N, C-alpha and C. Protein backbone atom coordinates (compact mmCIF):
# COMPACT_ATOMS: atom_id res chain seq x y z
N UNK A 1 17.54 -35.84 -76.80
CA UNK A 1 18.92 -35.52 -77.07
C UNK A 1 18.97 -34.49 -78.18
N UNK A 2 19.86 -33.55 -78.07
CA UNK A 2 19.97 -32.45 -79.01
C UNK A 2 21.35 -32.49 -79.65
N UNK A 3 21.42 -32.50 -80.97
CA UNK A 3 22.69 -32.50 -81.70
C UNK A 3 22.81 -31.21 -82.48
N UNK A 4 23.99 -30.61 -82.45
CA UNK A 4 24.27 -29.45 -83.29
C UNK A 4 25.55 -29.78 -84.06
N UNK A 5 25.46 -29.76 -85.38
CA UNK A 5 26.57 -30.21 -86.18
C UNK A 5 27.03 -29.07 -87.09
N UNK A 6 28.32 -28.97 -87.28
CA UNK A 6 28.89 -27.99 -88.19
C UNK A 6 30.16 -28.55 -88.80
N UNK A 7 30.75 -27.82 -89.74
CA UNK A 7 31.95 -28.29 -90.41
C UNK A 7 33.13 -28.35 -89.46
N UNK A 8 33.09 -27.61 -88.36
CA UNK A 8 34.23 -27.55 -87.45
C UNK A 8 34.01 -28.27 -86.13
N UNK A 9 32.82 -28.82 -85.88
CA UNK A 9 32.63 -29.45 -84.58
C UNK A 9 31.24 -30.05 -84.41
N UNK A 10 31.00 -30.59 -83.21
CA UNK A 10 29.73 -31.24 -82.89
C UNK A 10 29.42 -31.03 -81.42
N UNK A 11 28.20 -30.61 -81.13
CA UNK A 11 27.69 -30.50 -79.76
C UNK A 11 26.65 -31.58 -79.55
N UNK A 12 26.64 -32.19 -78.37
CA UNK A 12 25.60 -33.13 -77.99
C UNK A 12 25.09 -32.72 -76.61
N UNK A 13 23.78 -32.51 -76.49
CA UNK A 13 23.17 -32.10 -75.22
C UNK A 13 22.03 -33.05 -74.89
N UNK A 14 21.96 -33.47 -73.64
CA UNK A 14 20.92 -34.40 -73.20
C UNK A 14 20.38 -33.93 -71.85
N UNK A 15 19.07 -33.75 -71.73
CA UNK A 15 18.44 -33.26 -70.50
C UNK A 15 17.29 -34.19 -70.12
N UNK A 16 17.15 -34.50 -68.84
CA UNK A 16 16.03 -35.31 -68.36
C UNK A 16 15.51 -34.75 -67.04
N UNK A 17 14.21 -34.72 -66.88
CA UNK A 17 13.57 -34.37 -65.62
C UNK A 17 12.53 -35.44 -65.31
N UNK A 18 12.56 -35.95 -64.09
CA UNK A 18 11.58 -36.94 -63.65
C UNK A 18 11.00 -36.45 -62.33
N UNK A 19 9.69 -36.14 -62.33
CA UNK A 19 9.02 -35.59 -61.15
C UNK A 19 7.87 -36.52 -60.77
N UNK A 20 7.78 -36.86 -59.47
CA UNK A 20 6.66 -37.66 -58.99
C UNK A 20 6.01 -36.97 -57.81
N UNK A 21 4.71 -37.12 -57.70
CA UNK A 21 3.95 -36.53 -56.60
C UNK A 21 2.90 -37.53 -56.16
N UNK A 22 2.91 -37.85 -54.88
CA UNK A 22 1.94 -38.77 -54.31
C UNK A 22 1.24 -38.07 -53.16
N UNK A 23 -0.09 -38.07 -53.17
CA UNK A 23 -0.87 -37.43 -52.13
C UNK A 23 -2.07 -38.31 -51.85
N UNK A 24 -2.26 -38.64 -50.58
CA UNK A 24 -3.37 -39.49 -50.22
C UNK A 24 -3.86 -39.12 -48.83
N UNK A 25 -5.17 -39.18 -48.62
CA UNK A 25 -5.68 -38.93 -47.28
C UNK A 25 -6.99 -39.66 -47.06
N UNK A 26 -7.27 -39.88 -45.78
CA UNK A 26 -8.52 -40.49 -45.35
C UNK A 26 -9.24 -39.49 -44.47
N UNK A 27 -10.55 -39.41 -44.63
CA UNK A 27 -11.34 -38.48 -43.82
C UNK A 27 -12.57 -39.22 -43.29
N UNK A 28 -12.86 -38.98 -42.02
CA UNK A 28 -14.02 -39.62 -41.40
C UNK A 28 -14.75 -38.57 -40.57
N UNK A 29 -16.06 -38.43 -40.79
CA UNK A 29 -16.90 -37.51 -40.04
C UNK A 29 -18.05 -38.30 -39.41
N UNK A 30 -18.39 -37.95 -38.19
CA UNK A 30 -19.50 -38.61 -37.50
C UNK A 30 -20.20 -37.58 -36.61
N UNK A 31 -21.51 -37.73 -36.45
CA UNK A 31 -22.31 -36.84 -35.61
C UNK A 31 -23.22 -37.68 -34.72
N UNK A 32 -23.60 -37.10 -33.61
CA UNK A 32 -24.59 -37.76 -32.75
C UNK A 32 -25.95 -37.69 -33.44
N UNK A 33 -26.88 -38.49 -32.96
CA UNK A 33 -28.20 -38.54 -33.59
C UNK A 33 -28.90 -37.19 -33.60
N UNK A 34 -28.71 -36.41 -32.54
CA UNK A 34 -29.36 -35.10 -32.48
C UNK A 34 -28.58 -34.01 -33.22
N UNK A 35 -27.47 -34.36 -33.84
CA UNK A 35 -26.61 -33.45 -34.62
C UNK A 35 -25.98 -32.33 -33.78
N UNK A 36 -26.00 -32.48 -32.46
CA UNK A 36 -25.40 -31.47 -31.59
C UNK A 36 -23.88 -31.59 -31.52
N UNK A 37 -23.37 -32.80 -31.55
CA UNK A 37 -21.93 -33.05 -31.43
C UNK A 37 -21.44 -33.64 -32.75
N UNK A 38 -20.45 -32.98 -33.33
CA UNK A 38 -19.90 -33.39 -34.63
C UNK A 38 -18.39 -33.57 -34.51
N UNK A 39 -17.90 -34.69 -35.00
CA UNK A 39 -16.48 -35.02 -34.91
C UNK A 39 -15.93 -35.27 -36.31
N UNK A 40 -14.70 -34.92 -36.49
CA UNK A 40 -14.04 -35.18 -37.77
C UNK A 40 -12.59 -35.60 -37.54
N UNK A 41 -12.12 -36.51 -38.36
CA UNK A 41 -10.74 -36.98 -38.28
C UNK A 41 -10.21 -37.12 -39.70
N UNK A 42 -9.01 -36.61 -39.93
CA UNK A 42 -8.38 -36.71 -41.24
C UNK A 42 -6.91 -37.05 -41.05
N UNK A 43 -6.41 -38.00 -41.82
CA UNK A 43 -5.00 -38.39 -41.83
C UNK A 43 -4.54 -38.46 -43.28
N UNK A 44 -3.29 -38.04 -43.52
CA UNK A 44 -2.81 -38.06 -44.89
C UNK A 44 -1.31 -38.19 -45.00
N UNK A 45 -0.88 -38.39 -46.23
CA UNK A 45 0.54 -38.58 -46.55
C UNK A 45 0.81 -37.89 -47.88
N UNK A 46 1.95 -37.20 -47.97
CA UNK A 46 2.34 -36.61 -49.25
C UNK A 46 3.83 -36.83 -49.47
N UNK A 47 4.19 -36.96 -50.73
CA UNK A 47 5.59 -37.18 -51.09
C UNK A 47 5.84 -36.61 -52.48
N UNK A 48 6.94 -35.88 -52.62
CA UNK A 48 7.36 -35.34 -53.91
C UNK A 48 8.83 -35.68 -54.11
N UNK A 49 9.19 -36.02 -55.32
CA UNK A 49 10.60 -36.20 -55.67
C UNK A 49 10.84 -35.59 -57.04
N UNK A 50 12.03 -35.08 -57.22
CA UNK A 50 12.41 -34.49 -58.49
C UNK A 50 13.86 -34.87 -58.80
N UNK A 51 14.08 -35.42 -59.97
CA UNK A 51 15.43 -35.75 -60.46
C UNK A 51 15.63 -35.02 -61.78
N UNK A 52 16.69 -34.24 -61.86
CA UNK A 52 17.02 -33.52 -63.08
C UNK A 52 18.48 -33.79 -63.39
N UNK A 53 18.76 -34.31 -64.57
CA UNK A 53 20.15 -34.52 -64.95
C UNK A 53 20.38 -34.01 -66.37
N UNK A 54 21.60 -33.62 -66.60
CA UNK A 54 21.97 -33.14 -67.93
C UNK A 54 23.42 -33.53 -68.22
N UNK A 55 23.69 -33.67 -69.50
CA UNK A 55 25.01 -34.04 -69.98
C UNK A 55 25.25 -33.30 -71.29
N UNK A 56 26.41 -32.68 -71.39
CA UNK A 56 26.79 -31.97 -72.60
C UNK A 56 28.17 -32.46 -73.04
N UNK A 57 28.31 -32.65 -74.32
CA UNK A 57 29.60 -33.02 -74.90
C UNK A 57 29.87 -32.19 -76.13
N UNK A 58 31.15 -31.85 -76.34
CA UNK A 58 31.50 -31.00 -77.47
C UNK A 58 32.86 -31.44 -78.01
N UNK A 59 32.95 -31.56 -79.30
CA UNK A 59 34.22 -31.80 -80.00
C UNK A 59 34.34 -30.73 -81.08
N UNK A 60 35.55 -30.19 -81.21
CA UNK A 60 35.70 -29.14 -82.22
C UNK A 60 36.87 -29.45 -83.15
N UNK A 61 36.91 -28.71 -84.21
CA UNK A 61 37.93 -28.80 -85.24
C UNK A 61 37.97 -30.15 -85.95
N UNK A 62 36.80 -30.61 -86.39
CA UNK A 62 36.76 -31.77 -87.28
C UNK A 62 37.18 -31.32 -88.66
N UNK A 63 37.90 -32.11 -89.41
CA UNK A 63 38.27 -31.71 -90.76
C UNK A 63 37.07 -31.76 -91.72
N UNK A 64 36.00 -32.49 -91.35
CA UNK A 64 34.79 -32.56 -92.17
C UNK A 64 33.62 -32.87 -91.23
N UNK A 65 32.36 -32.65 -91.65
CA UNK A 65 31.21 -32.87 -90.76
C UNK A 65 31.09 -34.32 -90.31
N UNK A 66 30.91 -34.52 -88.98
CA UNK A 66 30.70 -35.84 -88.41
C UNK A 66 29.45 -35.81 -87.51
N UNK A 67 28.84 -36.97 -87.32
CA UNK A 67 27.64 -37.05 -86.47
C UNK A 67 27.89 -37.86 -85.20
N UNK A 68 29.12 -38.24 -84.93
CA UNK A 68 29.45 -39.03 -83.74
C UNK A 68 30.29 -38.19 -82.80
N UNK A 69 29.89 -38.10 -81.56
CA UNK A 69 30.61 -37.29 -80.58
C UNK A 69 31.96 -37.92 -80.21
N UNK A 70 32.09 -39.23 -80.36
CA UNK A 70 33.35 -39.88 -79.98
C UNK A 70 34.37 -39.94 -81.12
N UNK A 71 34.11 -39.24 -82.20
CA UNK A 71 35.08 -39.14 -83.30
C UNK A 71 35.88 -37.85 -83.11
N UNK A 72 37.00 -37.76 -83.71
CA UNK A 72 37.79 -36.54 -83.63
C UNK A 72 38.85 -36.60 -82.56
N UNK A 73 39.56 -35.50 -82.44
CA UNK A 73 40.69 -35.42 -81.52
C UNK A 73 40.21 -35.32 -80.08
N UNK A 74 40.86 -36.05 -79.18
CA UNK A 74 40.54 -35.97 -77.75
C UNK A 74 41.09 -34.69 -77.12
N UNK A 75 42.01 -34.06 -77.79
CA UNK A 75 42.58 -32.81 -77.26
C UNK A 75 41.59 -31.66 -77.33
N UNK A 76 40.65 -31.71 -78.23
CA UNK A 76 39.72 -30.61 -78.44
C UNK A 76 38.29 -31.03 -78.06
N UNK A 77 38.17 -31.61 -76.88
CA UNK A 77 36.86 -32.04 -76.42
C UNK A 77 36.53 -31.43 -75.06
N UNK A 78 35.25 -31.30 -74.82
CA UNK A 78 34.77 -30.84 -73.53
C UNK A 78 33.55 -31.67 -73.18
N UNK A 79 33.40 -31.98 -71.90
CA UNK A 79 32.22 -32.70 -71.42
C UNK A 79 31.89 -32.19 -70.03
N UNK A 80 30.61 -32.06 -69.75
CA UNK A 80 30.16 -31.67 -68.42
C UNK A 80 28.76 -32.21 -68.20
N UNK A 81 28.38 -32.30 -66.95
CA UNK A 81 27.05 -32.78 -66.61
C UNK A 81 26.78 -32.59 -65.13
N UNK A 82 25.55 -32.85 -64.76
CA UNK A 82 25.17 -32.67 -63.37
C UNK A 82 23.89 -33.45 -63.09
N UNK A 83 23.70 -33.80 -61.84
CA UNK A 83 22.47 -34.43 -61.37
C UNK A 83 21.99 -33.64 -60.16
N UNK A 84 20.75 -33.20 -60.21
CA UNK A 84 20.14 -32.48 -59.10
C UNK A 84 18.93 -33.27 -58.65
N UNK A 85 18.85 -33.52 -57.34
CA UNK A 85 17.72 -34.27 -56.79
C UNK A 85 17.21 -33.56 -55.54
N UNK A 86 15.91 -33.63 -55.32
CA UNK A 86 15.33 -33.18 -54.07
C UNK A 86 14.07 -33.98 -53.80
N UNK A 87 13.69 -34.03 -52.53
CA UNK A 87 12.46 -34.73 -52.16
C UNK A 87 11.86 -34.10 -50.91
N UNK A 88 10.55 -34.23 -50.82
CA UNK A 88 9.78 -33.76 -49.67
C UNK A 88 8.86 -34.90 -49.25
N UNK A 89 8.66 -35.04 -47.94
CA UNK A 89 7.76 -36.06 -47.44
C UNK A 89 7.03 -35.50 -46.23
N UNK A 90 5.77 -35.83 -46.09
CA UNK A 90 5.02 -35.32 -44.95
C UNK A 90 3.85 -36.20 -44.57
N UNK A 91 3.55 -36.18 -43.29
CA UNK A 91 2.37 -36.83 -42.74
C UNK A 91 1.56 -35.72 -42.07
N UNK A 92 0.26 -35.73 -42.24
CA UNK A 92 -0.54 -34.67 -41.66
C UNK A 92 -1.83 -35.25 -41.10
N UNK A 93 -2.42 -34.50 -40.17
CA UNK A 93 -3.66 -34.95 -39.57
C UNK A 93 -4.45 -33.80 -39.00
N UNK A 94 -5.73 -34.06 -38.80
CA UNK A 94 -6.62 -33.05 -38.25
C UNK A 94 -7.71 -33.75 -37.44
N UNK A 95 -7.99 -33.18 -36.28
CA UNK A 95 -9.14 -33.60 -35.48
C UNK A 95 -9.98 -32.35 -35.23
N UNK A 96 -11.29 -32.46 -35.46
CA UNK A 96 -12.14 -31.32 -35.13
C UNK A 96 -13.41 -31.78 -34.43
N UNK A 97 -13.90 -30.88 -33.61
CA UNK A 97 -15.13 -31.10 -32.86
C UNK A 97 -15.91 -29.80 -32.87
N UNK A 98 -17.22 -29.91 -33.06
CA UNK A 98 -18.05 -28.73 -32.87
C UNK A 98 -19.34 -29.13 -32.16
N UNK A 99 -19.82 -28.18 -31.41
CA UNK A 99 -21.07 -28.35 -30.67
C UNK A 99 -22.09 -27.39 -31.26
N UNK A 100 -23.13 -27.98 -31.86
CA UNK A 100 -24.22 -27.24 -32.48
C UNK A 100 -23.74 -26.22 -33.51
N UNK A 101 -22.64 -26.52 -34.19
CA UNK A 101 -22.07 -25.63 -35.21
C UNK A 101 -21.77 -24.23 -34.65
N UNK A 102 -21.65 -24.16 -33.33
CA UNK A 102 -21.42 -22.86 -32.69
C UNK A 102 -20.05 -22.79 -32.02
N UNK A 103 -19.64 -23.86 -31.39
CA UNK A 103 -18.34 -23.92 -30.72
C UNK A 103 -17.47 -24.91 -31.49
N UNK A 104 -16.31 -24.49 -31.88
CA UNK A 104 -15.44 -25.34 -32.68
C UNK A 104 -14.07 -25.45 -32.02
N UNK A 105 -13.53 -26.66 -31.99
CA UNK A 105 -12.14 -26.89 -31.60
C UNK A 105 -11.52 -27.72 -32.70
N UNK A 106 -10.32 -27.32 -33.12
CA UNK A 106 -9.61 -28.05 -34.17
C UNK A 106 -8.14 -28.15 -33.82
N UNK A 107 -7.58 -29.34 -33.99
CA UNK A 107 -6.15 -29.57 -33.78
C UNK A 107 -5.58 -30.16 -35.07
N UNK A 108 -4.52 -29.56 -35.57
CA UNK A 108 -3.86 -30.00 -36.80
C UNK A 108 -2.39 -30.26 -36.52
N UNK A 109 -1.81 -31.15 -37.29
CA UNK A 109 -0.36 -31.35 -37.19
C UNK A 109 0.18 -31.73 -38.56
N UNK A 110 1.43 -31.41 -38.74
CA UNK A 110 2.21 -31.87 -39.90
C UNK A 110 3.55 -32.35 -39.39
N UNK A 111 4.05 -33.41 -39.97
CA UNK A 111 5.39 -33.91 -39.70
C UNK A 111 6.05 -33.97 -41.06
N UNK A 112 6.91 -32.97 -41.35
CA UNK A 112 7.46 -32.81 -42.70
C UNK A 112 8.97 -32.95 -42.70
N UNK A 113 9.48 -33.44 -43.82
CA UNK A 113 10.91 -33.53 -44.03
C UNK A 113 11.26 -33.08 -45.43
N UNK A 114 12.48 -32.54 -45.57
CA UNK A 114 12.94 -32.05 -46.86
C UNK A 114 14.41 -32.42 -47.05
N UNK A 115 14.74 -32.89 -48.23
CA UNK A 115 16.13 -33.22 -48.54
C UNK A 115 16.98 -31.98 -48.73
N UNK A 116 16.35 -30.83 -48.87
CA UNK A 116 17.08 -29.58 -49.10
C UNK A 116 17.64 -28.98 -47.82
N UNK A 117 17.32 -29.56 -46.69
CA UNK A 117 17.75 -29.03 -45.41
C UNK A 117 18.80 -29.96 -44.81
N UNK A 118 19.66 -29.40 -44.00
CA UNK A 118 20.70 -30.16 -43.31
C UNK A 118 20.09 -31.41 -42.66
N UNK A 119 20.73 -32.58 -42.79
CA UNK A 119 20.16 -33.82 -42.22
C UNK A 119 19.86 -33.73 -40.72
N UNK A 120 20.59 -32.93 -39.98
CA UNK A 120 20.32 -32.81 -38.54
C UNK A 120 19.02 -32.07 -38.26
N UNK A 121 18.55 -31.25 -39.20
CA UNK A 121 17.34 -30.44 -39.01
C UNK A 121 16.29 -30.74 -40.07
N UNK A 122 16.39 -31.88 -40.69
CA UNK A 122 15.58 -32.20 -41.87
C UNK A 122 14.09 -32.36 -41.56
N UNK A 123 13.74 -32.85 -40.39
CA UNK A 123 12.35 -33.14 -40.05
C UNK A 123 11.83 -32.15 -39.02
N UNK A 124 10.57 -31.78 -39.15
CA UNK A 124 9.95 -30.87 -38.19
C UNK A 124 8.51 -31.24 -37.94
N UNK A 125 8.03 -30.93 -36.74
CA UNK A 125 6.63 -31.12 -36.37
C UNK A 125 5.99 -29.75 -36.30
N UNK A 126 4.83 -29.60 -36.93
CA UNK A 126 4.17 -28.31 -37.02
C UNK A 126 2.71 -28.44 -36.57
N UNK A 127 2.45 -28.29 -35.27
CA UNK A 127 1.07 -28.36 -34.80
C UNK A 127 0.37 -27.00 -34.86
N UNK A 128 -0.94 -27.03 -34.97
CA UNK A 128 -1.74 -25.81 -34.98
C UNK A 128 -3.07 -26.11 -34.30
N UNK A 129 -3.52 -25.19 -33.46
CA UNK A 129 -4.77 -25.36 -32.72
C UNK A 129 -5.67 -24.15 -32.97
N UNK A 130 -6.96 -24.41 -33.04
CA UNK A 130 -7.92 -23.34 -33.32
C UNK A 130 -9.17 -23.56 -32.48
N UNK A 131 -9.66 -22.48 -31.89
CA UNK A 131 -10.95 -22.47 -31.20
C UNK A 131 -11.78 -21.35 -31.81
N UNK A 132 -13.08 -21.61 -31.94
CA UNK A 132 -13.95 -20.60 -32.52
C UNK A 132 -15.28 -20.59 -31.77
N UNK A 133 -15.75 -19.41 -31.47
CA UNK A 133 -17.05 -19.21 -30.86
C UNK A 133 -17.86 -18.34 -31.81
N UNK A 134 -19.03 -18.82 -32.16
CA UNK A 134 -19.85 -18.07 -33.10
C UNK A 134 -21.22 -17.80 -32.46
N UNK A 135 -21.61 -16.53 -32.44
CA UNK A 135 -22.96 -16.21 -31.98
C UNK A 135 -23.66 -15.40 -33.07
N UNK A 136 -24.82 -14.86 -32.77
CA UNK A 136 -25.61 -14.16 -33.79
C UNK A 136 -24.95 -12.88 -34.29
N UNK A 137 -24.12 -12.25 -33.46
CA UNK A 137 -23.57 -10.95 -33.85
C UNK A 137 -22.13 -11.01 -34.34
N UNK A 138 -21.32 -11.94 -33.86
CA UNK A 138 -19.92 -11.96 -34.30
C UNK A 138 -19.31 -13.34 -34.06
N UNK A 139 -18.16 -13.51 -34.66
CA UNK A 139 -17.40 -14.74 -34.51
C UNK A 139 -16.06 -14.39 -33.88
N UNK A 140 -15.65 -15.16 -32.90
CA UNK A 140 -14.38 -14.93 -32.21
C UNK A 140 -13.49 -16.14 -32.46
N UNK A 141 -12.25 -15.89 -32.90
CA UNK A 141 -11.28 -16.94 -33.15
C UNK A 141 -10.11 -16.81 -32.18
N UNK A 142 -9.54 -17.94 -31.83
CA UNK A 142 -8.29 -17.97 -31.09
C UNK A 142 -7.51 -19.17 -31.62
N UNK A 143 -6.29 -18.93 -32.01
CA UNK A 143 -5.49 -20.02 -32.54
C UNK A 143 -4.03 -19.78 -32.28
N UNK A 144 -3.25 -20.85 -32.27
CA UNK A 144 -1.82 -20.70 -32.13
C UNK A 144 -1.13 -21.89 -32.80
N UNK A 145 0.07 -21.64 -33.23
CA UNK A 145 0.88 -22.66 -33.90
C UNK A 145 2.22 -22.79 -33.19
N UNK A 146 2.76 -23.97 -33.23
CA UNK A 146 4.09 -24.24 -32.67
C UNK A 146 4.96 -24.81 -33.77
N UNK A 147 6.24 -24.58 -33.68
CA UNK A 147 7.19 -25.18 -34.62
C UNK A 147 8.21 -25.93 -33.79
N UNK A 148 8.31 -27.23 -34.01
CA UNK A 148 9.26 -28.07 -33.31
C UNK A 148 10.11 -28.80 -34.33
N UNK A 149 11.40 -28.72 -34.19
CA UNK A 149 12.33 -29.37 -35.12
C UNK A 149 13.06 -30.46 -34.38
N UNK A 150 13.10 -31.64 -35.00
CA UNK A 150 13.83 -32.75 -34.39
C UNK A 150 15.30 -32.63 -34.67
């Protein structure tokens, strides 16, 4: 809390921010005995929230210095404040397979939501697919992504 005092008035300002972030994932990799076939699976969850609030109060024209905002004339007072909140939440996953570290297929997805977007369009699914072929001279990639909104 912040106080500003003078012979003619008093300001009181109060600001708070509370931010939380949670991120967790599980990953599992397995290969065949000959190491020719390799599989991977990953699943995760993320969440962020932010709360910011502020309050300001002002009284003016005190006949002498005071330290209490509720003293003085009610005619010469001002007060304002606001609360801002937002949150994000998401689930994500990945499956990958490779054969002899030469041929790779990977499928990824995200299912994300945001409080900053209209409730009718708040959640979306975001898949992505990738194929890769690697030989001695060059690597070739092919990938595509889709955007689907619920």
